[in-house]
Each structure stands twice: as C-alpha cells, then as structure tokens.
Protein backbone atom coordinates (compact mmCIF):
# COMPACT_ATOMS: atom_id res chain seq x y z
CA MET A 1 223.78 53.44 -20.03
CA GLU A 2 226.36 51.10 -21.55
CA THR A 3 229.96 52.28 -21.45
CA ASP A 4 232.29 50.92 -24.08
CA HIS A 5 235.69 50.45 -22.41
CA ASN A 6 237.95 50.00 -25.39
CA SER A 7 241.17 51.83 -24.77
CA ALA A 8 244.34 49.81 -24.72
CA TYR A 9 245.04 51.23 -21.29
CA GLY A 10 241.53 51.24 -19.93
CA SER A 11 240.39 54.72 -20.95
CA THR A 12 236.64 55.14 -20.67
CA GLU A 13 236.38 57.88 -23.28
CA PRO A 14 233.85 56.88 -25.97
CA LEU A 15 235.44 56.14 -29.31
CA CYS A 16 233.29 58.65 -31.12
CA ARG A 17 235.02 61.50 -29.26
CA THR A 18 238.47 60.68 -30.57
CA GLN A 19 239.91 63.71 -32.34
CA GLY A 20 241.54 63.65 -35.76
CA ASP A 21 245.29 63.27 -35.99
CA GLY A 22 245.79 66.52 -37.92
CA LEU A 23 247.65 64.81 -40.75
CA GLY A 24 245.23 65.61 -43.54
CA PRO A 25 242.71 63.43 -45.41
CA GLY A 26 242.46 59.85 -44.21
CA TRP A 27 243.17 58.38 -47.64
CA LYS A 28 246.73 59.75 -47.50
CA PHE A 29 247.81 56.75 -45.46
CA TRP A 30 251.51 57.19 -46.27
CA ARG A 31 251.59 60.23 -43.99
CA ARG A 32 250.65 58.02 -41.06
CA ARG A 33 253.38 55.83 -39.66
CA ARG A 34 250.85 53.44 -38.11
CA PHE A 35 249.52 52.65 -41.58
CA ILE A 36 253.05 52.04 -42.83
CA VAL A 37 253.39 49.50 -40.01
CA ALA A 38 250.04 47.96 -40.98
CA SER A 39 251.07 47.79 -44.66
CA LEU A 40 254.34 46.02 -43.89
CA ALA A 41 252.47 43.71 -41.50
CA PHE A 42 250.12 42.95 -44.41
CA PHE A 43 253.07 41.68 -46.44
CA GLY A 44 254.37 39.83 -43.39
CA PHE A 45 251.14 37.89 -43.10
CA PHE A 46 251.26 37.40 -46.86
CA MET A 47 254.65 35.70 -46.43
CA MET A 48 253.32 33.57 -43.57
CA GLN A 49 250.68 32.13 -45.88
CA THR A 50 253.10 31.44 -48.73
CA GLU A 51 255.30 29.52 -46.28
CA ARG A 52 252.31 27.64 -44.85
CA VAL A 53 250.20 26.90 -47.93
CA ASN A 54 252.79 26.21 -50.66
CA LEU A 55 253.05 22.52 -49.79
CA SER A 56 249.28 22.06 -50.06
CA VAL A 57 249.56 22.94 -53.75
CA THR A 58 252.97 21.49 -54.61
CA ILE A 59 252.23 18.13 -52.99
CA ILE A 60 249.98 17.39 -55.97
CA SER A 61 252.90 17.88 -58.37
CA MET A 62 255.21 15.96 -56.06
CA THR A 63 252.96 12.88 -55.92
CA SER A 64 251.22 12.89 -59.33
CA PRO A 65 252.51 10.73 -62.23
CA ARG A 66 253.85 12.69 -65.20
CA SER A 67 254.82 11.68 -68.71
CA VAL A 68 258.57 11.55 -69.42
CA ASN A 69 260.09 10.97 -72.87
CA LEU A 70 263.11 8.68 -72.74
CA THR A 71 266.05 8.87 -75.15
CA ASN A 72 264.92 5.69 -76.91
CA GLY A 73 261.66 7.41 -77.89
CA THR A 74 259.37 5.69 -75.41
CA THR A 75 257.17 7.54 -72.95
CA VAL A 76 256.85 6.42 -69.34
CA LEU A 77 255.09 7.70 -66.24
CA GLU A 78 257.28 8.91 -63.40
CA GLN A 79 256.38 10.04 -59.91
CA ASP A 80 258.72 11.83 -57.50
CA PHE A 81 257.14 10.55 -54.29
CA HIS A 82 254.83 7.60 -53.68
CA TRP A 83 252.87 8.69 -50.62
CA ASP A 84 249.59 7.12 -49.54
CA PRO A 85 246.73 9.27 -48.15
CA ASP A 86 247.85 8.73 -44.56
CA THR A 87 251.37 9.92 -45.36
CA GLU A 88 250.06 12.96 -47.22
CA GLY A 89 247.86 13.78 -44.21
CA LEU A 90 250.90 13.53 -41.93
CA VAL A 91 252.97 15.79 -44.18
CA LEU A 92 250.24 18.42 -44.54
CA GLY A 93 249.40 18.39 -40.83
CA SER A 94 252.99 18.37 -39.54
CA TYR A 95 253.31 22.15 -39.81
CA PHE A 96 250.66 22.56 -37.14
CA TYR A 97 252.48 20.34 -34.65
CA GLY A 98 255.12 23.05 -34.45
CA TYR A 99 252.70 25.94 -34.85
CA ILE A 100 250.64 24.93 -31.83
CA MET A 101 253.65 24.78 -29.53
CA THR A 102 254.85 28.39 -29.78
CA GLN A 103 251.63 30.44 -29.76
CA LEU A 104 251.75 31.29 -26.08
CA LEU A 105 255.52 31.76 -26.20
CA GLY A 106 255.13 34.23 -29.07
CA GLY A 107 252.60 36.31 -27.13
CA TRP A 108 254.80 36.29 -24.03
CA LEU A 109 258.00 37.20 -25.93
CA ALA A 110 256.20 40.03 -27.72
CA THR A 111 255.51 41.66 -24.37
CA TYR A 112 259.04 41.40 -23.05
CA ILE A 113 261.42 41.75 -26.00
CA GLY A 114 259.28 43.53 -28.59
CA ALA A 115 256.58 42.34 -30.97
CA ASN A 116 258.40 43.73 -34.00
CA LYS A 117 261.46 41.56 -33.30
CA VAL A 118 259.52 38.35 -32.67
CA PHE A 119 257.28 38.85 -35.71
CA GLY A 120 260.26 39.39 -38.00
CA VAL A 121 262.34 36.51 -36.62
CA GLY A 122 259.45 34.09 -37.01
CA ILE A 123 258.92 34.83 -40.68
CA LEU A 124 262.67 34.97 -41.38
CA GLY A 125 263.27 31.56 -39.81
CA ALA A 126 260.40 29.97 -41.71
CA GLY A 127 261.65 31.62 -44.91
CA VAL A 128 265.08 30.02 -44.57
CA LEU A 129 263.50 26.61 -43.98
CA THR A 130 261.22 27.09 -46.99
CA LEU A 131 264.22 27.90 -49.14
CA VAL A 132 266.01 24.63 -48.24
CA THR A 133 262.92 22.36 -48.30
CA PRO A 134 263.65 20.86 -51.77
CA PHE A 135 266.99 19.58 -50.48
CA PHE A 136 265.60 17.98 -47.33
CA VAL A 137 262.53 16.39 -48.92
CA TYR A 138 264.73 13.93 -50.82
CA LEU A 139 266.25 12.76 -47.54
CA GLY A 140 262.96 11.15 -46.56
CA VAL A 141 259.38 11.93 -45.64
CA TYR A 142 260.16 12.18 -41.95
CA VAL A 143 262.89 14.72 -42.63
CA LEU A 144 260.31 16.79 -44.50
CA VAL A 145 257.95 16.42 -41.55
CA ALA A 146 260.68 17.69 -39.23
CA VAL A 147 261.30 20.71 -41.46
CA ARG A 148 257.61 21.53 -41.54
CA VAL A 149 257.36 21.21 -37.76
CA MET A 150 260.22 23.71 -37.41
CA GLU A 151 258.51 26.08 -39.82
CA GLY A 152 255.43 25.86 -37.63
CA LEU A 153 257.54 26.62 -34.55
CA PHE A 154 258.83 29.84 -36.15
CA LEU A 155 255.51 31.04 -37.54
CA GLY A 156 253.72 30.17 -34.31
CA LEU A 157 255.82 32.89 -32.67
CA SER A 158 254.73 35.50 -35.18
CA PHE A 159 250.96 35.37 -35.23
CA PRO A 160 250.17 36.62 -31.66
CA CYS A 161 252.68 39.47 -31.93
CA MET A 162 250.51 41.87 -33.88
CA HIS A 163 247.99 42.16 -31.07
CA SER A 164 250.80 43.38 -28.87
CA MET A 165 251.80 45.83 -31.62
CA TRP A 166 248.28 47.23 -31.95
CA SER A 167 247.95 47.73 -28.20
CA THR A 168 250.53 50.52 -28.58
CA TRP A 169 250.19 51.55 -32.24
CA ALA A 170 246.41 51.53 -32.86
CA PRO A 171 244.08 54.26 -31.60
CA PRO A 172 240.86 52.57 -30.38
CA SER A 173 238.84 54.20 -33.17
CA GLU A 174 241.11 52.54 -35.77
CA ARG A 175 241.64 49.20 -34.06
CA SER A 176 239.51 47.12 -36.43
CA THR A 177 240.83 48.97 -39.49
CA LEU A 178 244.53 48.54 -38.75
CA SER A 179 244.09 44.96 -37.61
CA ALA A 180 242.06 44.15 -40.73
CA VAL A 181 244.64 45.71 -43.06
CA ALA A 182 247.38 43.57 -41.53
CA LEU A 183 245.40 40.34 -41.28
CA SER A 184 244.07 40.62 -44.83
CA GLY A 185 247.59 39.76 -45.92
CA ASN A 186 246.76 36.20 -44.81
CA PHE A 187 244.08 35.84 -47.43
CA VAL A 188 245.76 37.77 -50.21
CA GLY A 189 248.73 35.50 -49.47
CA MET A 190 246.51 32.45 -49.95
CA CYS A 191 245.41 33.88 -53.29
CA GLY A 192 248.99 34.53 -54.36
CA THR A 193 250.12 31.10 -53.22
CA PHE A 194 247.41 29.24 -55.12
CA VAL A 195 248.08 31.17 -58.34
CA MET A 196 251.86 31.34 -58.16
CA SER A 197 252.48 27.83 -56.80
CA GLY A 198 250.46 26.15 -59.52
CA ALA A 199 252.01 28.23 -62.28
CA ILE A 200 255.59 27.84 -60.98
CA ALA A 201 255.21 24.09 -60.41
CA ASP A 202 253.73 23.48 -63.86
CA ASN A 203 256.29 25.59 -65.73
CA PHE A 204 259.53 25.26 -63.76
CA GLY A 205 259.05 22.34 -61.39
CA TRP A 206 257.81 22.15 -57.81
CA PRO A 207 261.21 22.90 -56.13
CA TYR A 208 261.09 26.46 -57.49
CA VAL A 209 257.92 27.14 -55.49
CA PHE A 210 260.00 26.88 -52.33
CA TYR A 211 262.92 28.85 -53.78
CA VAL A 212 260.70 31.77 -54.82
CA PHE A 213 258.70 32.06 -51.61
CA GLY A 214 261.71 31.50 -49.37
CA GLY A 215 263.62 34.25 -51.17
CA MET A 216 260.68 36.64 -50.88
CA ALA A 217 260.55 36.05 -47.13
CA LEU A 218 264.21 37.00 -46.76
CA VAL A 219 263.68 40.27 -48.63
CA TRP A 220 260.60 41.17 -46.58
CA SER A 221 262.37 40.42 -43.29
CA THR A 222 265.19 42.79 -44.16
CA VAL A 223 262.78 45.66 -44.84
CA TRP A 224 260.74 44.91 -41.70
CA PHE A 225 263.72 44.99 -39.34
CA ILE A 226 264.90 48.30 -40.81
CA VAL A 227 261.56 50.15 -40.85
CA VAL A 228 259.30 48.92 -38.04
CA LYS A 229 259.74 49.77 -34.35
CA ASN A 230 257.90 48.23 -31.42
CA GLN A 231 256.18 51.43 -30.24
CA PRO A 232 255.54 54.89 -31.70
CA LYS A 233 257.91 56.46 -29.15
CA ASP A 234 260.75 54.32 -30.57
CA ASP A 235 260.16 55.37 -34.19
CA PRO A 236 262.48 58.23 -35.25
CA TYR A 237 260.39 59.01 -38.35
CA ILE A 238 256.92 59.35 -36.83
CA SER A 239 255.55 62.91 -36.72
CA LEU A 240 254.97 64.60 -33.38
CA LYS A 241 251.30 65.06 -34.30
CA GLU A 242 250.77 61.38 -34.92
CA LYS A 243 252.70 60.32 -31.83
CA LYS A 244 250.64 62.64 -29.64
CA TYR A 245 247.41 61.52 -31.29
CA ILE A 246 248.14 57.85 -30.58
CA GLN A 247 249.30 58.50 -27.02
CA ASP A 248 246.29 60.70 -26.20
CA SER A 249 243.83 58.17 -27.63
CA LEU A 250 245.32 55.30 -25.64
CA GLY A 251 245.65 57.22 -22.39
CA PRO A 252 248.64 57.48 -20.06
CA GLU A 253 251.06 54.59 -20.20
CA THR A 254 251.90 52.97 -16.90
CA ASN A 255 255.10 51.17 -15.98
CA ALA A 256 253.34 48.78 -13.64
CA ILE A 257 254.21 45.11 -13.96
CA VAL A 258 251.45 43.29 -15.80
CA VAL A 259 250.09 40.43 -13.72
CA ARG A 260 248.37 37.71 -15.75
CA PRO A 261 245.12 36.47 -14.16
CA TRP A 262 245.51 32.99 -15.62
CA ILE A 263 242.55 31.44 -13.81
CA LYS A 264 240.31 34.32 -14.92
CA PHE A 265 241.42 33.73 -18.51
CA TRP A 266 240.24 30.13 -18.49
CA THR A 267 237.01 30.76 -16.58
CA SER A 268 235.90 33.65 -18.81
CA LEU A 269 233.01 32.60 -21.06
CA PRO A 270 233.49 35.62 -23.37
CA PHE A 271 237.08 34.49 -23.93
CA TRP A 272 235.90 30.93 -24.58
CA ALA A 273 233.38 32.32 -27.06
CA VAL A 274 236.26 33.75 -29.10
CA ILE A 275 238.21 30.50 -28.80
CA VAL A 276 235.25 28.48 -30.07
CA ILE A 277 234.46 30.73 -33.04
CA HIS A 278 238.18 30.96 -33.85
CA SER A 279 238.54 27.16 -33.78
CA CYS A 280 235.48 26.59 -35.96
CA ASP A 281 236.68 29.17 -38.46
CA ASN A 282 240.10 27.51 -38.54
CA TRP A 283 238.59 24.10 -39.23
CA CYS A 284 236.83 25.51 -42.29
CA THR A 285 239.83 27.57 -43.40
CA TYR A 286 242.40 24.81 -42.93
CA THR A 287 240.16 22.30 -44.68
CA LEU A 288 239.98 24.62 -47.68
CA LEU A 289 243.68 25.46 -47.57
CA THR A 290 245.00 21.94 -47.33
CA GLU A 291 242.36 20.01 -49.21
CA LEU A 292 240.79 22.34 -51.78
CA PRO A 293 243.34 21.63 -54.56
CA ALA A 294 242.87 17.87 -54.08
CA PHE A 295 239.06 18.18 -53.89
CA MET A 296 238.89 20.19 -57.11
CA LYS A 297 241.16 17.72 -58.85
CA ASP A 298 239.29 14.64 -57.60
CA SER A 299 235.71 15.85 -57.83
CA LEU A 300 235.80 18.60 -60.45
CA ASP A 301 238.60 17.11 -62.59
CA MET A 302 240.59 20.35 -62.64
CA GLU A 303 244.30 20.58 -63.26
CA LEU A 304 246.54 22.25 -60.69
CA THR A 305 246.94 25.60 -62.46
CA ALA A 306 243.24 25.80 -63.37
CA SER A 307 242.08 25.10 -59.82
CA GLY A 308 244.48 27.72 -58.51
CA MET A 309 243.21 30.34 -60.94
CA ILE A 310 239.62 29.64 -59.87
CA THR A 311 240.10 29.47 -56.08
CA ALA A 312 242.71 32.22 -55.74
CA PRO A 313 240.31 35.13 -56.48
CA SER A 314 238.14 33.91 -53.60
CA PHE A 315 240.96 34.48 -51.13
CA LEU A 316 241.78 37.82 -52.74
CA ALA A 317 238.15 38.83 -52.31
CA MET A 318 238.36 37.67 -48.69
CA GLY A 319 241.31 39.98 -48.07
CA VAL A 320 239.48 42.95 -49.60
CA THR A 321 236.34 42.08 -47.65
CA LEU A 322 238.31 41.86 -44.41
CA MET A 323 239.70 45.38 -44.87
CA ALA A 324 236.33 46.84 -45.85
CA ALA A 325 234.51 45.06 -43.02
CA GLY A 326 237.07 46.25 -40.49
CA ARG A 327 236.68 49.84 -41.59
CA LEU A 328 232.88 49.55 -41.48
CA ALA A 329 233.06 48.04 -37.98
CA ASP A 330 235.06 51.01 -36.69
CA TRP A 331 232.58 53.43 -38.29
CA LEU A 332 229.54 51.66 -36.80
CA VAL A 333 231.05 51.93 -33.32
CA THR A 334 232.54 55.44 -33.50
CA SER A 335 229.34 56.84 -35.03
CA GLY A 336 227.35 55.42 -32.13
CA ARG A 337 225.08 53.32 -34.37
CA LEU A 338 226.07 50.04 -32.72
CA THR A 339 228.04 49.01 -29.66
CA THR A 340 231.22 46.99 -30.02
CA THR A 341 229.39 43.90 -28.76
CA GLN A 342 226.63 44.31 -31.33
CA VAL A 343 229.14 44.71 -34.16
CA ARG A 344 231.15 41.66 -33.12
CA LYS A 345 228.05 39.45 -32.82
CA LEU A 346 226.45 40.77 -36.00
CA TYR A 347 229.58 40.06 -38.01
CA CYS A 348 230.39 36.63 -36.56
CA CYS A 349 226.89 35.19 -36.38
CA CYS A 350 225.74 36.34 -39.81
CA ALA A 351 228.99 35.52 -41.61
CA TYR A 352 229.45 32.04 -40.19
CA SER A 353 225.77 31.09 -40.48
CA ILE A 354 225.89 31.91 -44.19
CA GLN A 355 229.23 30.14 -44.50
CA ALA A 356 227.90 26.97 -42.87
CA THR A 357 224.87 26.95 -45.18
CA LEU A 358 227.07 27.26 -48.25
CA VAL A 359 229.37 24.49 -47.00
CA PHE A 360 226.33 22.18 -46.77
CA VAL A 361 225.41 23.14 -50.34
CA VAL A 362 228.91 22.25 -51.58
CA GLY A 363 228.51 18.83 -50.00
CA SER A 364 225.08 18.32 -51.54
CA VAL A 365 225.21 19.68 -55.09
CA GLN A 366 227.31 17.91 -57.69
CA ASN A 367 227.56 20.89 -60.02
CA THR A 368 230.87 22.54 -60.84
CA ALA A 369 229.52 26.08 -61.30
CA VAL A 370 227.52 25.97 -58.07
CA VAL A 371 230.45 24.54 -56.11
CA ILE A 372 232.82 27.22 -57.36
CA ALA A 373 230.31 30.00 -56.55
CA CYS A 374 229.70 28.60 -53.06
CA ILE A 375 233.42 28.26 -52.32
CA THR A 376 233.90 31.89 -53.36
CA PHE A 377 231.26 33.14 -50.94
CA ILE A 378 232.40 30.75 -48.18
CA VAL A 379 235.80 32.38 -48.28
CA ILE A 380 234.36 35.91 -48.42
CA MET A 381 232.15 35.25 -45.39
CA GLY A 382 235.26 34.13 -43.55
CA GLY A 383 236.75 37.59 -44.15
CA ILE A 384 233.78 39.26 -42.47
CA GLY A 385 233.97 36.93 -39.48
CA TRP A 386 237.72 37.39 -39.16
CA SER A 387 237.38 41.18 -38.98
CA ALA A 388 235.29 40.70 -35.83
CA PHE A 389 236.77 37.94 -33.72
CA SER A 390 240.43 38.61 -34.58
CA VAL A 391 240.31 41.97 -32.76
CA ASN A 392 237.99 40.71 -30.01
CA TYR A 393 240.96 39.80 -27.81
CA ILE A 394 241.89 43.49 -27.57
CA ASP A 395 238.28 44.34 -26.70
CA LEU A 396 238.28 41.89 -23.80
CA ALA A 397 241.70 42.63 -22.33
CA PRO A 398 244.02 45.06 -24.16
CA LYS A 399 247.04 44.49 -21.91
CA HIS A 400 246.72 40.73 -22.24
CA ALA A 401 245.67 40.61 -25.90
CA SER A 402 248.83 38.98 -27.29
CA VAL A 403 248.76 36.30 -24.59
CA LEU A 404 245.03 35.68 -25.08
CA LEU A 405 245.58 35.27 -28.81
CA GLY A 406 248.46 32.90 -28.08
CA LEU A 407 246.22 30.78 -25.86
CA SER A 408 243.32 30.88 -28.31
CA ASN A 409 245.45 30.17 -31.34
CA THR A 410 247.03 27.21 -29.55
CA ILE A 411 243.61 25.61 -29.20
CA ALA A 412 242.43 26.84 -32.61
CA THR A 413 245.44 25.21 -34.26
CA ILE A 414 244.19 21.75 -33.31
CA PRO A 415 241.86 21.76 -36.37
CA GLY A 416 244.94 22.24 -38.54
CA ILE A 417 246.32 19.00 -37.12
CA LEU A 418 243.08 17.05 -37.18
CA SER A 419 241.56 18.22 -40.47
CA PRO A 420 244.15 16.67 -42.87
CA SER A 421 244.12 13.42 -40.87
CA VAL A 422 240.31 13.24 -40.80
CA THR A 423 240.24 13.89 -44.54
CA GLY A 424 242.85 11.19 -45.10
CA TRP A 425 240.81 8.69 -43.07
CA ILE A 426 237.51 9.46 -44.82
CA VAL A 427 238.57 10.24 -48.40
CA ARG A 428 240.07 6.88 -49.34
CA HIS A 429 238.83 6.57 -52.93
CA ASP A 430 238.60 10.24 -53.98
CA SER A 431 234.81 9.93 -54.39
CA TRP A 432 232.21 12.67 -54.14
CA SER A 433 230.36 10.85 -51.37
CA GLU A 434 233.52 10.82 -49.25
CA TRP A 435 234.15 14.53 -49.79
CA ARG A 436 230.50 15.20 -48.88
CA ILE A 437 231.16 13.90 -45.36
CA ILE A 438 234.07 16.32 -44.99
CA PHE A 439 231.88 19.29 -45.91
CA TYR A 440 229.03 18.18 -43.64
CA ILE A 441 231.43 17.96 -40.69
CA THR A 442 232.78 21.43 -41.50
CA GLY A 443 229.33 23.02 -41.81
CA GLY A 444 228.12 21.46 -38.57
CA LEU A 445 231.10 22.79 -36.64
CA SER A 446 230.55 26.28 -38.04
CA LEU A 447 226.93 26.33 -36.88
CA GLY A 448 227.93 25.13 -33.43
CA GLY A 449 230.44 27.98 -33.15
CA VAL A 450 227.78 30.52 -34.14
CA VAL A 451 225.42 29.39 -31.38
CA PHE A 452 228.11 29.50 -28.69
CA TYR A 453 229.37 32.95 -29.72
CA ALA A 454 225.84 34.35 -29.94
CA ILE A 455 225.25 33.37 -26.32
CA PHE A 456 228.56 34.24 -24.67
CA GLY A 457 230.39 36.65 -27.02
CA THR A 458 230.95 40.31 -26.09
CA GLY A 459 232.99 43.35 -27.06
CA GLU A 460 233.23 44.72 -23.51
CA GLN A 461 236.51 44.96 -21.65
CA GLN A 462 236.38 42.42 -18.83
CA SER A 463 236.60 43.35 -15.16
CA TRP A 464 239.54 40.98 -14.65
CA ALA A 465 241.49 42.94 -17.27
CA LEU A 466 241.39 46.19 -15.26
CA ASP A 467 243.76 47.21 -12.51
CA GLU A 468 242.40 48.82 -9.32
CA GLN A 469 242.63 52.41 -10.57
CA GLN A 470 240.91 51.56 -13.85
CA SER A 471 238.17 49.68 -11.99
CA GLU A 472 237.44 52.75 -9.89
CA GLU A 473 237.22 54.95 -13.02
CA VAL A 474 234.87 52.47 -14.70
CA ASN A 475 232.63 52.28 -11.63
CA LYS A 476 232.40 56.07 -11.52
CA ALA A 477 231.55 56.22 -15.24
CA ASP A 478 228.86 53.56 -14.89
CA THR A 479 227.41 55.33 -11.82
CA ASN A 480 227.22 58.65 -13.65
C-alpha cells in the first residue's frame, strides 16, 4: 500500500483525514489568516511581474519612431533610443543575470531570518529601482543594464521565499490551493502589465510605466511588512482555532538544526525532473513575456495597445486556471481518487504536451485568429502545469523546499538569459520564417521536458529528506 508522506514535518497521516479548521464555510476566506497571507502574496507576485515585464512592453515605445510636429509646421520622425536587435536582447535579458545569482541565497535567508522579511525586501528594492529607471536609462544603455541586473538581484531573493512560508503556514491538504493562489499573481500580473503598460505608454509616455509600477510596489511593501508574519505562532491576529489546526496538520515542530544533504539534492532524479520541467516551462514563458509584443507587431501588424489587450486576457485566464487547478489537485488527493504522484504527472504531462503542440501550430499557421487562439491556450496550459510542479518541491522535501526552489530556479532562469539572445540572433529581419524557428525550438524543449518528467517525476517525500525518527515512522507505516 502506498503511503503519501506529505506533511511539512514528515507526518504520515493521510491528507484525507485532516479535520476542518472550525472556522465556518470554506468560501469565507477572510476568516482564515493563512488565506490573508496567500492573498497578499498574490499581490506580491503581481508586483514582481510588473517590475519584470514592463520593459518588454515599453521597449517598443522606447525604440519605435514616432511622428513629431515641429513649430515650423513640418512633421518629422523621432526615436528615443536607437538599439539594434543584439542590444535589445542584452537589455531584455539583463534582468536574469541578477535574478539567477540570488535564488539560492533567497531560499537560505528565508530559513534563517524569515521568509516574510526577505520576500518584502526583494519586491521593495526592485520597486525603488523601477521608479528611478527613466532617469538612469538616459545615462546610457549599460547603465540601464546595470539597473535591470540589480532588479533581478532583489527579485531573485523573493521567489523561493514562499515555499518556506508554506512549510509553516499551509496545512498539507491545502498546499496546492494556497500555493496556487499566491503564484497566480504572477500571471494576473502579466495580464495587468501588458494592458496597463501599453495604455500608459501610448497615452502618457513610456517613463510613466515605471513611475506607476514602482509606486505600486512601495505601497504593497508597506502593507506586507505590517500584516504578514513569518509563522502562525508569530501572528497576533490569528485565531486559536486556526493556529491549532495548522500546527496539528503539520505535526510537532522540532528545533533540530536542519542539515542540507547537498549531494543527495544533486543526485536525486525526482528533483532533476522538477528542474527540467521548470526550465522548459520557463523557456516558453520567458519567450512569450519578452518577445510576444514584438512578434505580434512584426508578424501580425498589431499596435502596442492592441497586442496588449489581446494577449493580456490569456495571462489572466492562466492565473484563474492556476487557482482552480490547484484546488482540484488538493481535492483529488484528499478524496483518495489519485495519489500526489499521479496528480503531479497528470497535470504536467498533459498540460505541457498540449502546450508544445499549440506552439508548433503557432509556428506553422500564418493566420492571425488561429495564432491568437493558440497563444491563449498555450498560456492557460502553463497555468495547469505550474500548479503541479511549483509545489512539487514541498512534496519531495518540505524542510528543504525553499532551498530546492532556489537551486531549481537558478538553473531554470538560464532560459531567461538565453531566450532573448537566441531570438535576437535568429530574428534579424522580423520575418515570419524567422519567428517560426523560435516557436519550433520552444515546442521541442517542452516535449523533451514532458518525457523526462513522465519517467522520473514523483510526489513522494524522498528518503533523504527525512531525519532518523521520521524514517523509523515511515518504515513502520509501510510495514503495516
């Protein structure tokens, strides 16, 4: 009989036996402090995406010629920045040079000084840099690159932190739900950025894109630092019922020093399965994020605002799908219909196989309506896949989840560096045939990730993630 070891502290109690929290109907989320944390985390991830993606949209306004009426009555074309494709690729990819460097540090700091503090500081720092970007960009392209690298350094700290938060805030039966609520902010943020950036740039000028999003980040950070605590026991406003419910579901907390089995991390094929699927997903996502506005302008002849209005709903739908898929995943496991492993593989393999197929279609069909429909479903499939692999780190090793995510995200950030450069090398004349190569590369990588995850992926807690006492309990449970 298969035992699903999912507790953040190694409890072997099946998820379906978890008792209710006694706080009334589940839809009254405001009564539950853990859902307040998840809601604020949602807006935190929203801000991360506005700080990351805004340049992908505004760079079109920054480098495109525009008509200017002179006082003598003549009309001339002016352009703020004359950047060739290689320079644009450097600018768009520079964020990831910083982002890749602080993933592991963010996971480590979350364990030792508090995930809530690191998460908030990362978004606050990036917000300040976003706010002052219009000033620095006029000092030179390499100054802009330096600013974007620093933004990446700050936001790289933030992403792994939430896995550390959920290891103490999320009951195992709600792990996918809470994680999905928070992470869906990424994709709603993409939606908001595409819509708002295009509209702001067209109506007020591209510098105001950075002013608006930077200011929003400062407001969010203030609220986050006031409201959110690192653990339920530190929160003065959490009810005793909810605190007890979370503590009982996670099992007794130990004060033992956590020893990281670094060699076991790197030799674990299930962990590599998550890294591979994460990296392939990121290649597709980052290609869409950084290149979609340019692709729609070059190949579909759409203006900036129009392309944003068309693509933005796709990312909104992805956010909604992520939340719904996460809730369904928890229900499938807690009801006993599927094991955690089956849910993770079902979600990842189906979602990314469909996504890869649609990516190939985009690269093969020169039809605007078909391309827009495919892009919409490509993004939605990404939401389903995300709801599975993003929480898989906690399945494998709850105590090490933030560090595992830091390691994985370090590797999975490489596509963010390579994708803009590869696009810049291949798309030299803005032709459909050049863009087709980009989509074929993306689809092929997605299919490769599906095969690897199907073979080596799992939702079982790994033996190297258990201490001696937990290992004895697991052995007894398996024997019985």
